[in-house]
Amino acid sequence: MSVSRTLLALLEPGPRHGYDLKRAYDEQFAQGRQLAYGQVYSTLSRLLRNGLVEEAGVEHGAGPDRKRYTITDAGVTDVESWLRTAESPEPYLQNTLYTKVVLALLSGRSATEVLDTQRSAHLTVMRELTRRKKDGDLADQLICDHALFHLEADLRWLELTAARLDALAEVVRP
């Protein structure tokens, strides 16, 4: 996910402090991985330098001064363009798991064991996601569904590969 564009879009409703942006980001998108304050402020600095945000005033208080940031017209255009651009589907044509299966076959090790270990790991994560989905709000449910669908596709691949191990062994072994 593009943190810079997400923070930029969070500025569209109106000016905010870095602290407010971090809180809004964490509430909507963190899902257990909160954004660091340093990342918020370094991102705001870069957006400011690139003309996508500007300072909208400074508040003086008991603590350090708090700068407010607002999105510029160029920032709005950038967010609009980003939202209209499709994310690139990522086909896993050469992933680590396939490599491990082939290497297990080449070395005489058990490729079935590699697949079984991976299947077990996938099922463990799927159970955790299913629990999280059951107890979560709508955002959590949608995020968990996305991950579960990908894991289900991986499981289908694991089953298909297990069924074709003998044929694969003939192809990869000299």
N, C-alpha and C. Protein backbone atom coordinates (compact mmCIF):
# COMPACT_ATOMS: atom_id res chain seq x y z
N MET A 1 0.86 -1.17 0.00
CA MET A 1 0.00 0.00 0.00
C MET A 1 0.90 1.23 0.00
N SER A 2 0.48 2.25 -0.70
CA SER A 2 1.21 3.51 -0.76
C SER A 2 0.85 4.37 0.45
N VAL A 3 1.75 4.43 1.41
CA VAL A 3 1.50 5.23 2.61
C VAL A 3 1.39 6.70 2.24
N SER A 4 2.25 7.17 1.35
CA SER A 4 2.21 8.60 1.00
C SER A 4 0.88 8.99 0.38
N ARG A 5 0.37 8.18 -0.52
CA ARG A 5 -0.90 8.52 -1.16
C ARG A 5 -2.07 8.33 -0.19
N THR A 6 -1.95 7.38 0.71
CA THR A 6 -3.00 7.19 1.70
C THR A 6 -3.07 8.40 2.63
N LEU A 7 -1.92 8.87 3.10
CA LEU A 7 -1.91 10.06 3.95
C LEU A 7 -2.42 11.27 3.18
N LEU A 8 -2.02 11.37 1.93
CA LEU A 8 -2.48 12.46 1.08
C LEU A 8 -4.00 12.46 0.97
N ALA A 9 -4.57 11.30 0.72
CA ALA A 9 -6.03 11.19 0.60
C ALA A 9 -6.72 11.49 1.93
N LEU A 10 -6.08 11.15 3.04
CA LEU A 10 -6.66 11.45 4.35
C LEU A 10 -6.68 12.95 4.64
N LEU A 11 -5.90 13.71 3.89
CA LEU A 11 -5.90 15.16 4.04
C LEU A 11 -7.01 15.84 3.24
N GLU A 12 -7.63 15.12 2.33
CA GLU A 12 -8.65 15.75 1.48
C GLU A 12 -9.80 16.38 2.24
N PRO A 13 -10.32 15.76 3.29
CA PRO A 13 -11.46 16.40 3.99
C PRO A 13 -11.09 17.72 4.66
N GLY A 14 -9.81 17.91 4.98
CA GLY A 14 -9.40 19.16 5.61
C GLY A 14 -8.03 19.03 6.24
N PRO A 15 -7.46 20.16 6.68
CA PRO A 15 -6.12 20.17 7.27
C PRO A 15 -6.04 19.28 8.52
N ARG A 16 -4.87 18.69 8.70
CA ARG A 16 -4.63 17.83 9.88
C ARG A 16 -3.17 17.94 10.31
N HIS A 17 -2.96 17.58 11.57
CA HIS A 17 -1.60 17.43 12.10
C HIS A 17 -1.11 16.03 11.76
N GLY A 18 0.19 15.84 11.85
CA GLY A 18 0.77 14.52 11.63
C GLY A 18 0.19 13.49 12.58
N TYR A 19 -0.01 13.90 13.83
CA TYR A 19 -0.57 12.99 14.83
C TYR A 19 -1.97 12.53 14.41
N ASP A 20 -2.79 13.48 13.92
CA ASP A 20 -4.15 13.15 13.49
C ASP A 20 -4.12 12.19 12.29
N LEU A 21 -3.18 12.42 11.38
CA LEU A 21 -3.05 11.54 10.20
C LEU A 21 -2.67 10.13 10.63
N LYS A 22 -1.72 10.03 11.55
CA LYS A 22 -1.31 8.71 12.03
C LYS A 22 -2.48 7.98 12.67
N ARG A 23 -3.22 8.68 13.50
CA ARG A 23 -4.37 8.07 14.18
C ARG A 23 -5.42 7.60 13.16
N ALA A 24 -5.72 8.45 12.17
CA ALA A 24 -6.70 8.08 11.14
C ALA A 24 -6.21 6.89 10.33
N TYR A 25 -4.93 6.88 9.96
CA TYR A 25 -4.35 5.76 9.22
C TYR A 25 -4.47 4.47 10.04
N ASP A 26 -4.03 4.54 11.29
CA ASP A 26 -4.04 3.34 12.13
C ASP A 26 -5.45 2.80 12.34
N GLU A 27 -6.43 3.70 12.49
CA GLU A 27 -7.82 3.26 12.69
C GLU A 27 -8.36 2.55 11.46
N GLN A 28 -8.02 3.02 10.28
CA GLN A 28 -8.59 2.48 9.05
C GLN A 28 -7.76 1.36 8.42
N PHE A 29 -6.43 1.44 8.52
CA PHE A 29 -5.60 0.59 7.68
C PHE A 29 -4.51 -0.20 8.38
N ALA A 30 -4.22 0.06 9.64
CA ALA A 30 -3.06 -0.56 10.28
C ALA A 30 -3.19 -2.07 10.40
N GLN A 31 -4.37 -2.56 10.77
CA GLN A 31 -4.60 -4.00 10.92
C GLN A 31 -3.44 -4.68 11.67
N GLY A 32 -3.08 -4.13 12.82
CA GLY A 32 -2.04 -4.75 13.65
C GLY A 32 -0.65 -4.23 13.34
N ARG A 33 -0.48 -3.44 12.30
CA ARG A 33 0.83 -2.89 11.96
C ARG A 33 0.72 -1.37 11.88
N GLN A 34 0.81 -0.74 13.03
CA GLN A 34 0.64 0.70 13.09
C GLN A 34 1.77 1.44 12.39
N LEU A 35 1.44 2.59 11.90
CA LEU A 35 2.40 3.44 11.22
C LEU A 35 3.26 4.14 12.27
N ALA A 36 4.55 4.21 12.04
CA ALA A 36 5.46 4.90 12.97
C ALA A 36 5.35 6.40 12.76
N TYR A 37 5.48 7.15 13.85
CA TYR A 37 5.43 8.61 13.75
C TYR A 37 6.50 9.11 12.80
N GLY A 38 7.69 8.53 12.88
CA GLY A 38 8.78 8.96 12.00
C GLY A 38 8.42 8.82 10.53
N GLN A 39 7.70 7.75 10.19
CA GLN A 39 7.30 7.54 8.81
C GLN A 39 6.27 8.59 8.39
N VAL A 40 5.37 8.94 9.30
CA VAL A 40 4.36 9.96 8.99
C VAL A 40 5.05 11.28 8.67
N TYR A 41 5.97 11.70 9.53
CA TYR A 41 6.59 13.01 9.35
C TYR A 41 7.58 13.03 8.19
N SER A 42 8.27 11.94 7.94
CA SER A 42 9.16 11.92 6.77
C SER A 42 8.34 11.92 5.48
N THR A 43 7.19 11.24 5.50
CA THR A 43 6.30 11.24 4.33
C THR A 43 5.72 12.63 4.10
N LEU A 44 5.28 13.29 5.17
CA LEU A 44 4.75 14.65 5.04
C LEU A 44 5.82 15.60 4.51
N SER A 45 7.05 15.42 4.95
CA SER A 45 8.15 16.25 4.47
C SER A 45 8.36 16.06 2.96
N ARG A 46 8.30 14.83 2.51
CA ARG A 46 8.47 14.52 1.08
C ARG A 46 7.29 15.08 0.28
N LEU A 47 6.06 14.92 0.80
CA LEU A 47 4.88 15.47 0.12
C LEU A 47 4.95 16.99 0.03
N LEU A 48 5.46 17.62 1.08
CA LEU A 48 5.63 19.07 1.10
C LEU A 48 6.65 19.49 0.05
N ARG A 49 7.78 18.81 0.02
CA ARG A 49 8.84 19.10 -0.95
C ARG A 49 8.35 18.92 -2.39
N ASN A 50 7.46 17.93 -2.61
CA ASN A 50 6.95 17.65 -3.95
C ASN A 50 5.74 18.50 -4.32
N GLY A 51 5.33 19.39 -3.43
CA GLY A 51 4.23 20.30 -3.73
C GLY A 51 2.84 19.67 -3.65
N LEU A 52 2.73 18.51 -3.00
CA LEU A 52 1.44 17.83 -2.91
C LEU A 52 0.67 18.22 -1.64
N VAL A 53 1.39 18.75 -0.65
CA VAL A 53 0.77 19.31 0.56
C VAL A 53 1.46 20.63 0.85
N GLU A 54 0.83 21.40 1.70
CA GLU A 54 1.45 22.63 2.18
C GLU A 54 1.08 22.82 3.64
N GLU A 55 1.89 23.62 4.32
CA GLU A 55 1.59 23.90 5.72
C GLU A 55 0.38 24.82 5.79
N ALA A 56 -0.51 24.51 6.74
CA ALA A 56 -1.73 25.29 6.90
C ALA A 56 -1.76 25.96 8.26
N GLY A 57 -0.59 26.23 8.80
CA GLY A 57 -0.52 26.91 10.09
C GLY A 57 0.19 26.07 11.13
N VAL A 58 0.56 26.75 12.19
CA VAL A 58 1.24 26.10 13.31
C VAL A 58 0.49 26.46 14.58
N GLU A 59 0.24 25.46 15.42
CA GLU A 59 -0.41 25.71 16.71
C GLU A 59 0.65 25.63 17.80
N HIS A 60 0.66 26.64 18.64
CA HIS A 60 1.59 26.67 19.77
C HIS A 60 0.85 26.19 21.00
N GLY A 61 1.49 25.37 21.78
CA GLY A 61 0.85 24.86 22.98
C GLY A 61 1.89 24.53 24.03
N ALA A 62 1.49 23.73 25.00
CA ALA A 62 2.38 23.35 26.09
C ALA A 62 3.54 22.49 25.58
N GLY A 63 3.28 21.70 24.57
CA GLY A 63 4.31 20.83 24.01
C GLY A 63 4.93 21.47 22.79
N PRO A 64 5.51 20.65 21.94
CA PRO A 64 6.11 21.18 20.72
C PRO A 64 5.04 21.77 19.79
N ASP A 65 5.47 22.70 18.95
CA ASP A 65 4.55 23.29 17.98
C ASP A 65 4.02 22.20 17.06
N ARG A 66 2.74 22.34 16.70
CA ARG A 66 2.11 21.33 15.84
C ARG A 66 1.76 21.97 14.50
N LYS A 67 2.39 21.46 13.44
CA LYS A 67 2.10 21.96 12.10
C LYS A 67 0.87 21.26 11.57
N ARG A 68 0.04 22.04 10.90
CA ARG A 68 -1.13 21.48 10.21
C ARG A 68 -0.80 21.47 8.72
N TYR A 69 -1.21 20.39 8.08
CA TYR A 69 -0.95 20.24 6.65
C TYR A 69 -2.28 20.18 5.90
N THR A 70 -2.24 20.67 4.67
CA THR A 70 -3.41 20.60 3.81
C THR A 70 -2.96 20.12 2.43
N ILE A 71 -3.86 19.48 1.73
CA ILE A 71 -3.55 18.96 0.40
C ILE A 71 -3.64 20.11 -0.62
N THR A 72 -2.76 20.09 -1.59
CA THR A 72 -2.79 21.10 -2.66
C THR A 72 -3.61 20.56 -3.83
N ASP A 73 -3.85 21.43 -4.81
CA ASP A 73 -4.56 20.98 -6.02
C ASP A 73 -3.77 19.86 -6.71
N ALA A 74 -2.46 19.98 -6.73
CA ALA A 74 -1.62 18.93 -7.33
C ALA A 74 -1.78 17.62 -6.54
N GLY A 75 -1.92 17.72 -5.22
CA GLY A 75 -2.13 16.54 -4.39
C GLY A 75 -3.45 15.87 -4.69
N VAL A 76 -4.50 16.68 -4.85
CA VAL A 76 -5.82 16.13 -5.19
C VAL A 76 -5.76 15.41 -6.53
N THR A 77 -5.09 16.03 -7.50
CA THR A 77 -4.94 15.41 -8.82
C THR A 77 -4.18 14.09 -8.71
N ASP A 78 -3.15 14.06 -7.88
CA ASP A 78 -2.37 12.84 -7.68
C ASP A 78 -3.23 11.73 -7.07
N VAL A 79 -4.02 12.06 -6.06
CA VAL A 79 -4.89 11.07 -5.43
C VAL A 79 -5.93 10.56 -6.44
N GLU A 80 -6.53 11.47 -7.19
CA GLU A 80 -7.52 11.05 -8.18
C GLU A 80 -6.91 10.09 -9.20
N SER A 81 -5.73 10.41 -9.67
CA SER A 81 -5.04 9.55 -10.65
C SER A 81 -4.73 8.19 -10.04
N TRP A 82 -4.25 8.19 -8.81
CA TRP A 82 -3.89 6.94 -8.13
C TRP A 82 -5.12 6.05 -7.93
N LEU A 83 -6.24 6.66 -7.53
CA LEU A 83 -7.46 5.88 -7.30
C LEU A 83 -8.01 5.28 -8.59
N ARG A 84 -7.79 5.96 -9.70
CA ARG A 84 -8.29 5.46 -10.99
C ARG A 84 -7.35 4.44 -11.64
N THR A 85 -6.16 4.29 -11.12
CA THR A 85 -5.18 3.37 -11.71
C THR A 85 -5.32 1.99 -11.06
N ALA A 86 -5.49 0.97 -11.91
CA ALA A 86 -5.62 -0.40 -11.40
C ALA A 86 -4.29 -0.86 -10.79
N GLU A 87 -4.40 -1.61 -9.72
CA GLU A 87 -3.22 -2.24 -9.14
C GLU A 87 -2.80 -3.39 -10.05
N SER A 88 -1.54 -3.59 -10.21
CA SER A 88 -1.04 -4.64 -11.08
C SER A 88 -1.25 -6.00 -10.43
N PRO A 89 -2.03 -6.88 -11.09
CA PRO A 89 -2.17 -8.23 -10.54
C PRO A 89 -0.80 -8.90 -10.52
N GLU A 90 -0.50 -9.55 -9.44
CA GLU A 90 0.82 -10.15 -9.28
C GLU A 90 0.75 -11.67 -9.43
N PRO A 91 0.99 -12.16 -10.62
CA PRO A 91 1.02 -13.61 -10.77
C PRO A 91 2.31 -14.15 -10.15
N TYR A 92 2.20 -15.21 -9.44
CA TYR A 92 3.36 -15.81 -8.78
C TYR A 92 3.95 -16.90 -9.66
N LEU A 93 4.47 -16.48 -10.81
CA LEU A 93 4.95 -17.46 -11.78
C LEU A 93 6.21 -18.18 -11.31
N GLN A 94 7.00 -17.57 -10.51
CA GLN A 94 8.20 -18.23 -10.00
C GLN A 94 8.33 -17.88 -8.53
N ASN A 95 7.62 -18.63 -7.70
CA ASN A 95 7.70 -18.29 -6.28
C ASN A 95 8.62 -19.24 -5.53
N THR A 96 8.88 -18.90 -4.30
CA THR A 96 9.82 -19.65 -3.46
C THR A 96 9.33 -21.08 -3.22
N LEU A 97 8.03 -21.24 -3.05
CA LEU A 97 7.51 -22.58 -2.77
C LEU A 97 7.77 -23.54 -3.94
N TYR A 98 7.52 -23.08 -5.15
CA TYR A 98 7.80 -23.92 -6.33
C TYR A 98 9.29 -24.27 -6.35
N THR A 99 10.13 -23.29 -6.08
CA THR A 99 11.58 -23.52 -6.07
C THR A 99 11.94 -24.58 -5.04
N LYS A 100 11.35 -24.52 -3.86
CA LYS A 100 11.63 -25.51 -2.82
C LYS A 100 11.21 -26.91 -3.25
N VAL A 101 10.05 -27.02 -3.90
CA VAL A 101 9.57 -28.32 -4.37
C VAL A 101 10.55 -28.91 -5.38
N VAL A 102 10.96 -28.10 -6.33
CA VAL A 102 11.90 -28.57 -7.36
C VAL A 102 13.24 -28.94 -6.74
N LEU A 103 13.73 -28.12 -5.83
CA LEU A 103 15.01 -28.42 -5.19
C LEU A 103 14.94 -29.68 -4.33
N ALA A 104 13.81 -29.89 -3.68
CA ALA A 104 13.63 -31.13 -2.90
C ALA A 104 13.71 -32.33 -3.84
N LEU A 105 13.03 -32.24 -4.98
CA LEU A 105 13.07 -33.34 -5.95
C LEU A 105 14.48 -33.55 -6.48
N LEU A 106 15.17 -32.47 -6.80
CA LEU A 106 16.53 -32.58 -7.36
C LEU A 106 17.51 -33.18 -6.36
N SER A 107 17.30 -32.90 -5.08
CA SER A 107 18.23 -33.37 -4.05
C SER A 107 17.86 -34.72 -3.47
N GLY A 108 16.73 -35.28 -3.92
CA GLY A 108 16.29 -36.56 -3.38
C GLY A 108 15.56 -36.44 -2.06
N ARG A 109 15.26 -35.24 -1.64
CA ARG A 109 14.50 -35.03 -0.41
C ARG A 109 13.02 -35.17 -0.72
N SER A 110 12.20 -35.16 0.30
CA SER A 110 10.77 -35.35 0.13
C SER A 110 10.06 -34.05 -0.24
N ALA A 111 9.62 -33.97 -1.48
CA ALA A 111 8.83 -32.82 -1.91
C ALA A 111 7.45 -32.87 -1.26
N THR A 112 6.97 -34.06 -0.98
CA THR A 112 5.68 -34.21 -0.30
C THR A 112 5.74 -33.55 1.08
N GLU A 113 6.87 -33.73 1.75
CA GLU A 113 7.05 -33.12 3.07
C GLU A 113 7.04 -31.59 2.96
N VAL A 114 7.68 -31.05 1.94
CA VAL A 114 7.68 -29.60 1.72
C VAL A 114 6.24 -29.12 1.54
N LEU A 115 5.47 -29.82 0.71
CA LEU A 115 4.08 -29.43 0.46
C LEU A 115 3.23 -29.58 1.71
N ASP A 116 3.43 -30.66 2.47
CA ASP A 116 2.65 -30.88 3.70
C ASP A 116 2.95 -29.81 4.74
N THR A 117 4.22 -29.44 4.87
CA THR A 117 4.60 -28.40 5.83
C THR A 117 3.94 -27.08 5.45
N GLN A 118 3.95 -26.78 4.16
CA GLN A 118 3.34 -25.53 3.70
C GLN A 118 1.83 -25.55 3.88
N ARG A 119 1.22 -26.69 3.59
CA ARG A 119 -0.23 -26.83 3.76
C ARG A 119 -0.60 -26.58 5.22
N SER A 120 0.16 -27.15 6.13
CA SER A 120 -0.10 -26.97 7.55
C SER A 120 0.02 -25.50 7.95
N ALA A 121 1.03 -24.81 7.44
CA ALA A 121 1.21 -23.39 7.75
C ALA A 121 0.04 -22.57 7.20
N HIS A 122 -0.38 -22.89 5.98
CA HIS A 122 -1.51 -22.18 5.38
C HIS A 122 -2.78 -22.39 6.21
N LEU A 123 -3.03 -23.61 6.62
CA LEU A 123 -4.24 -23.90 7.38
C LEU A 123 -4.24 -23.20 8.74
N THR A 124 -3.07 -23.10 9.36
CA THR A 124 -2.96 -22.39 10.63
C THR A 124 -3.32 -20.92 10.45
N VAL A 125 -2.77 -20.30 9.41
CA VAL A 125 -3.07 -18.89 9.15
C VAL A 125 -4.54 -18.71 8.79
N MET A 126 -5.09 -19.64 8.03
CA MET A 126 -6.50 -19.55 7.65
C MET A 126 -7.41 -19.64 8.87
N ARG A 127 -7.07 -20.49 9.83
CA ARG A 127 -7.86 -20.58 11.06
C ARG A 127 -7.80 -19.26 11.83
N GLU A 128 -6.59 -18.67 11.92
CA GLU A 128 -6.44 -17.39 12.62
C GLU A 128 -7.26 -16.29 11.94
N LEU A 129 -7.20 -16.26 10.61
CA LEU A 129 -7.95 -15.25 9.87
C LEU A 129 -9.46 -15.45 10.01
N THR A 130 -9.89 -16.69 10.04
CA THR A 130 -11.32 -16.99 10.20
C THR A 130 -11.81 -16.51 11.57
N ARG A 131 -11.00 -16.73 12.62
CA ARG A 131 -11.35 -16.23 13.96
C ARG A 131 -11.40 -14.70 13.95
N ARG A 132 -10.38 -14.10 13.36
CA ARG A 132 -10.33 -12.63 13.31
C ARG A 132 -11.52 -12.08 12.53
N LYS A 133 -11.87 -12.73 11.45
CA LYS A 133 -13.01 -12.30 10.62
C LYS A 133 -14.31 -12.38 11.42
N LYS A 134 -14.48 -13.45 12.18
CA LYS A 134 -15.70 -13.66 12.96
C LYS A 134 -15.88 -12.56 14.01
N ASP A 135 -14.78 -12.13 14.62
CA ASP A 135 -14.84 -11.13 15.69
C ASP A 135 -14.64 -9.70 15.19
N GLY A 136 -14.34 -9.53 13.91
CA GLY A 136 -13.96 -8.21 13.42
C GLY A 136 -15.11 -7.39 12.87
N ASP A 137 -14.79 -6.14 12.63
CA ASP A 137 -15.75 -5.25 11.99
C ASP A 137 -15.74 -5.51 10.48
N LEU A 138 -16.50 -4.75 9.74
CA LEU A 138 -16.62 -4.97 8.31
C LEU A 138 -15.27 -4.85 7.60
N ALA A 139 -14.47 -3.87 7.97
CA ALA A 139 -13.14 -3.71 7.34
C ALA A 139 -12.29 -4.95 7.58
N ASP A 140 -12.27 -5.44 8.82
CA ASP A 140 -11.52 -6.66 9.14
C ASP A 140 -12.06 -7.84 8.33
N GLN A 141 -13.35 -7.96 8.22
CA GLN A 141 -13.95 -9.07 7.48
C GLN A 141 -13.52 -9.04 6.02
N LEU A 142 -13.55 -7.87 5.41
CA LEU A 142 -13.17 -7.75 4.00
C LEU A 142 -11.69 -8.05 3.80
N ILE A 143 -10.84 -7.55 4.68
CA ILE A 143 -9.40 -7.80 4.57
C ILE A 143 -9.11 -9.28 4.77
N CYS A 144 -9.78 -9.89 5.75
CA CYS A 144 -9.59 -11.32 6.00
C CYS A 144 -10.09 -12.15 4.82
N ASP A 145 -11.22 -11.77 4.24
CA ASP A 145 -11.72 -12.49 3.06
C ASP A 145 -10.70 -12.45 1.93
N HIS A 146 -10.12 -11.29 1.70
CA HIS A 146 -9.12 -11.16 0.63
C HIS A 146 -7.96 -12.13 0.87
N ALA A 147 -7.44 -12.12 2.08
CA ALA A 147 -6.33 -13.01 2.41
C ALA A 147 -6.74 -14.48 2.32
N LEU A 148 -7.94 -14.80 2.81
CA LEU A 148 -8.41 -16.19 2.78
C LEU A 148 -8.57 -16.70 1.34
N PHE A 149 -9.07 -15.85 0.45
CA PHE A 149 -9.22 -16.27 -0.95
C PHE A 149 -7.85 -16.59 -1.57
N HIS A 150 -6.86 -15.78 -1.25
CA HIS A 150 -5.51 -16.04 -1.77
C HIS A 150 -4.94 -17.33 -1.18
N LEU A 151 -5.15 -17.54 0.10
CA LEU A 151 -4.66 -18.76 0.73
C LEU A 151 -5.37 -20.00 0.18
N GLU A 152 -6.67 -19.87 -0.10
CA GLU A 152 -7.40 -20.99 -0.71
C GLU A 152 -6.83 -21.33 -2.08
N ALA A 153 -6.49 -20.31 -2.86
CA ALA A 153 -5.87 -20.56 -4.17
C ALA A 153 -4.53 -21.26 -3.99
N ASP A 154 -3.76 -20.85 -3.00
CA ASP A 154 -2.48 -21.52 -2.72
C ASP A 154 -2.71 -22.98 -2.36
N LEU A 155 -3.73 -23.24 -1.54
CA LEU A 155 -4.02 -24.63 -1.16
C LEU A 155 -4.39 -25.47 -2.37
N ARG A 156 -5.15 -24.91 -3.29
CA ARG A 156 -5.49 -25.63 -4.52
C ARG A 156 -4.22 -25.97 -5.30
N TRP A 157 -3.30 -25.01 -5.36
CA TRP A 157 -2.03 -25.26 -6.05
C TRP A 157 -1.24 -26.35 -5.33
N LEU A 158 -1.22 -26.33 -4.01
CA LEU A 158 -0.51 -27.36 -3.25
C LEU A 158 -1.06 -28.74 -3.56
N GLU A 159 -2.39 -28.86 -3.59
CA GLU A 159 -3.02 -30.15 -3.89
C GLU A 159 -2.71 -30.60 -5.32
N LEU A 160 -2.80 -29.69 -6.25
CA LEU A 160 -2.51 -30.01 -7.65
C LEU A 160 -1.06 -30.44 -7.82
N THR A 161 -0.16 -29.73 -7.19
CA THR A 161 1.26 -30.07 -7.27
C THR A 161 1.54 -31.42 -6.63
N ALA A 162 0.92 -31.68 -5.49
CA ALA A 162 1.09 -32.98 -4.84
C ALA A 162 0.64 -34.11 -5.77
N ALA A 163 -0.45 -33.89 -6.49
CA ALA A 163 -0.96 -34.91 -7.41
C ALA A 163 -0.03 -35.09 -8.62
N ARG A 164 0.78 -34.10 -8.93
CA ARG A 164 1.65 -34.16 -10.11
C ARG A 164 3.13 -34.34 -9.76
N LEU A 165 3.45 -34.67 -8.51
CA LEU A 165 4.85 -34.76 -8.10
C LEU A 165 5.64 -35.78 -8.92
N ASP A 166 5.06 -36.92 -9.19
CA ASP A 166 5.80 -37.93 -9.96
C ASP A 166 6.15 -37.40 -11.35
N ALA A 167 5.19 -36.75 -12.00
CA ALA A 167 5.44 -36.20 -13.34
C ALA A 167 6.48 -35.07 -13.27
N LEU A 168 6.40 -34.24 -12.23
CA LEU A 168 7.37 -33.16 -12.08
C LEU A 168 8.76 -33.72 -11.83
N ALA A 169 8.84 -34.77 -11.02
CA ALA A 169 10.14 -35.39 -10.74
C ALA A 169 10.79 -35.88 -12.03
N GLU A 170 10.01 -36.46 -12.92
CA GLU A 170 10.55 -36.95 -14.20
C GLU A 170 11.08 -35.80 -15.05
N VAL A 171 10.43 -34.66 -14.96
CA VAL A 171 10.84 -33.49 -15.78
C VAL A 171 12.09 -32.83 -15.22
N VAL A 172 12.19 -32.71 -13.89
CA VAL A 172 13.29 -31.93 -13.33
C VAL A 172 14.54 -32.75 -13.03
N ARG A 173 14.41 -34.05 -12.86
CA ARG A 173 15.58 -34.88 -12.57
C ARG A 173 16.27 -35.26 -13.88
N PRO A 174 17.58 -35.14 -13.91
CA PRO A 174 18.31 -35.52 -15.14
C PRO A 174 18.29 -37.01 -15.41
